[in-house]
Structure formats: C-alpha cells, structure tokens
Amino acid sequence: MKRLLQKMIFFFEMQSFGVCDWWARKLGIQSSKVRLGFIYFSFVALGSPVLLYLIMAWILEHKHYFKFQKKRKRSIWEL
C-alpha cells in the first residue's frame, strides 16, 4: 500500500504541475502563485476546480490534436 501511494505521489509531482506551469508562462507570473490560486479556489468552490484542472491537464497532454496549423504568410519576394 505504501509503495502504491509513493507511485501516485511521484506521478502527480512529475506530471500534474504542467497545467500550472503552462498558465504561469501564459500569464507571466510564478507557477507557485498559480498553484496557490488553484488550492484556494478549490476550497472556495468545494473542489470543482479539481475537475477543471484534470480536463486542462488532458487537453495539454493531447494539445497536438487541438492545435490548428497556421498558414505561413508568403512575402512578396517569394514566388
């Protein structure tokens, strides 16, 4: 049982903080502030942000399916 708990902790430490890091990079703030915001918001909203966090983690893990290809603009010098 203890080994299973250690595996779960290791998984969450290595994988789950990608959402907070991504938001921190997008917003230009420290990731610890984003994590703290998620924790506070989870207490206020009775845990519903955990579901939102898991959905965002899944989307970030599979973002290559959601990313639209941007067409490269051709310059006047390219024919």
C-alpha atoms as a PDB file:
ATOM      1  CA  MET A   1       0.000   0.000   0.000  1.00  0.00           C
ATOM      2  CA  LYS A   2       2.817   2.393   0.853  1.00  0.00           C
ATOM      3  CA  ARG A   3       4.524   1.698  -2.477  1.00  0.00           C
ATOM      4  CA  LEU A   4       1.312   2.470  -4.367  1.00  0.00           C
ATOM      5  CA  LEU A   5       0.980   5.758  -2.516  1.00  0.00           C
ATOM      6  CA  GLN A   6       4.589   6.645  -3.355  1.00  0.00           C
ATOM      7  CA  LYS A   7       3.940   5.901  -7.031  1.00  0.00           C
ATOM      8  CA  MET A   8       0.872   8.139  -7.012  1.00  0.00           C
ATOM      9  CA  ILE A   9       2.768  10.978  -5.343  1.00  0.00           C
ATOM     10  CA  PHE A  10       5.614  10.610  -7.827  1.00  0.00           C
ATOM     11  CA  PHE A  11       3.164  10.689 -10.744  1.00  0.00           C
ATOM     12  CA  PHE A  12       1.484  13.864  -9.530  1.00  0.00           C
ATOM     13  CA  GLU A  13       4.792  15.561  -8.788  1.00  0.00           C
ATOM     14  CA  MET A  14       6.155  14.769 -12.245  1.00  0.00           C
ATOM     15  CA  GLN A  15       3.030  15.131 -14.411  1.00  0.00           C
ATOM     16  CA  SER A  16       0.283  17.174 -12.841  1.00  0.00           C
ATOM     17  CA  PHE A  17       2.021  20.505 -12.419  1.00  0.00           C
ATOM     18  CA  GLY A  18       2.227  21.050 -16.163  1.00  0.00           C
ATOM     19  CA  VAL A  19      -1.086  22.893 -16.105  1.00  0.00           C
ATOM     20  CA  CYS A  20       0.068  25.430 -13.535  1.00  0.00           C
ATOM     21  CA  ASP A  21       3.399  25.918 -15.295  1.00  0.00           C
ATOM     22  CA  TRP A  22       1.617  26.468 -18.602  1.00  0.00           C
ATOM     23  CA  TRP A  23      -0.753  29.037 -17.101  1.00  0.00           C
ATOM     24  CA  ALA A  24       2.146  30.753 -15.334  1.00  0.00           C
ATOM     25  CA  ARG A  25       4.079  31.080 -18.605  1.00  0.00           C
ATOM     26  CA  LYS A  26       0.989  32.438 -20.390  1.00  0.00           C
ATOM     27  CA  LEU A  27       0.221  34.938 -17.620  1.00  0.00           C
ATOM     28  CA  GLY A  28       3.853  35.857 -16.913  1.00  0.00           C
ATOM     29  CA  ILE A  29       3.743  35.044 -13.182  1.00  0.00           C
ATOM     30  CA  GLN A  30       5.320  32.453 -10.911  1.00  0.00           C
ATOM     31  CA  SER A  31       3.885  28.953 -11.084  1.00  0.00           C
ATOM     32  CA  SER A  32       3.698  28.753  -7.291  1.00  0.00           C
ATOM     33  CA  LYS A  33       1.152  31.594  -7.329  1.00  0.00           C
ATOM     34  CA  VAL A  34      -0.962  29.742  -9.877  1.00  0.00           C
ATOM     35  CA  ARG A  35      -0.831  26.559  -7.776  1.00  0.00           C
ATOM     36  CA  LEU A  36      -1.786  28.512  -4.681  1.00  0.00           C
ATOM     37  CA  GLY A  37      -4.678  30.063  -6.601  1.00  0.00           C
ATOM     38  CA  PHE A  38      -5.914  26.602  -7.600  1.00  0.00           C
ATOM     39  CA  ILE A  39      -5.737  25.459  -3.982  1.00  0.00           C
ATOM     40  CA  TYR A  40      -7.647  28.477  -2.670  1.00  0.00           C
ATOM     41  CA  PHE A  41     -10.197  28.272  -5.466  1.00  0.00           C
ATOM     42  CA  SER A  42     -10.720  24.563  -4.716  1.00  0.00           C
ATOM     43  CA  PHE A  43     -11.617  25.369  -1.114  1.00  0.00           C
ATOM     44  CA  VAL A  44     -13.971  28.171  -2.102  1.00  0.00           C
ATOM     45  CA  ALA A  45     -15.675  26.235  -4.899  1.00  0.00           C
ATOM     46  CA  LEU A  46     -15.828  22.962  -2.958  1.00  0.00           C
ATOM     47  CA  GLY A  47     -13.402  21.007  -5.123  1.00  0.00           C
ATOM     48  CA  SER A  48     -14.877  21.670  -8.545  1.00  0.00           C
ATOM     49  CA  PRO A  49     -11.620  23.226  -9.861  1.00  0.00           C
ATOM     50  CA  VAL A  50     -10.013  19.809  -9.476  1.00  0.00           C
ATOM     51  CA  LEU A  51     -12.224  18.562 -12.310  1.00  0.00           C
ATOM     52  CA  LEU A  52     -11.329  21.641 -14.357  1.00  0.00           C
ATOM     53  CA  TYR A  53      -7.641  21.029 -13.619  1.00  0.00           C
ATOM     54  CA  LEU A  54      -7.874  17.410 -14.804  1.00  0.00           C
ATOM     55  CA  ILE A  55      -9.614  18.479 -18.011  1.00  0.00           C
ATOM     56  CA  MET A  56      -6.917  21.083 -18.676  1.00  0.00           C
ATOM     57  CA  ALA A  57      -4.202  18.504 -17.977  1.00  0.00           C
ATOM     58  CA  TRP A  58      -5.786  16.138 -20.502  1.00  0.00           C
ATOM     59  CA  ILE A  59      -6.028  18.892 -23.104  1.00  0.00           C
ATOM     60  CA  LEU A  60      -2.400  19.895 -22.561  1.00  0.00           C
ATOM     61  CA  GLU A  61      -1.331  16.270 -22.860  1.00  0.00           C
ATOM     62  CA  HIS A  62      -3.196  15.964 -26.174  1.00  0.00           C
ATOM     63  CA  LYS A  63      -2.779  19.528 -27.442  1.00  0.00           C
ATOM     64  CA  HIS A  64      -1.397  18.362 -30.768  1.00  0.00           C
ATOM     65  CA  TYR A  65      -4.943  17.246 -31.620  1.00  0.00           C
ATOM     66  CA  PHE A  66      -6.365  20.696 -30.855  1.00  0.00           C
ATOM     67  CA  LYS A  67      -3.665  22.858 -32.389  1.00  0.00           C
ATOM     68  CA  PHE A  68      -4.622  24.405 -35.666  1.00  0.00           C
ATOM     69  CA  GLN A  69      -1.972  24.755 -38.302  1.00  0.00           C
ATOM     70  CA  LYS A  70      -1.146  28.356 -39.018  1.00  0.00           C
ATOM     71  CA  LYS A  71      -0.519  29.096 -42.631  1.00  0.00           C
ATOM     72  CA  ARG A  72       2.767  30.774 -43.251  1.00  0.00           C
ATOM     73  CA  LYS A  73       2.338  34.127 -44.878  1.00  0.00           C
ATOM     74  CA  ARG A  74       4.184  34.412 -48.105  1.00  0.00           C
ATOM     75  CA  SER A  75       6.184  37.514 -48.687  1.00  0.00           C
ATOM     76  CA  ILE A  76       6.184  39.485 -51.837  1.00  0.00           C
ATOM     77  CA  TRP A  77       9.675  38.166 -52.638  1.00  0.00           C
ATOM     78  CA  GLU A  78       8.624  34.511 -52.618  1.00  0.00           C
ATOM     79  CA  LEU A  79       7.036  33.080 -55.699  1.00  0.00           C
END
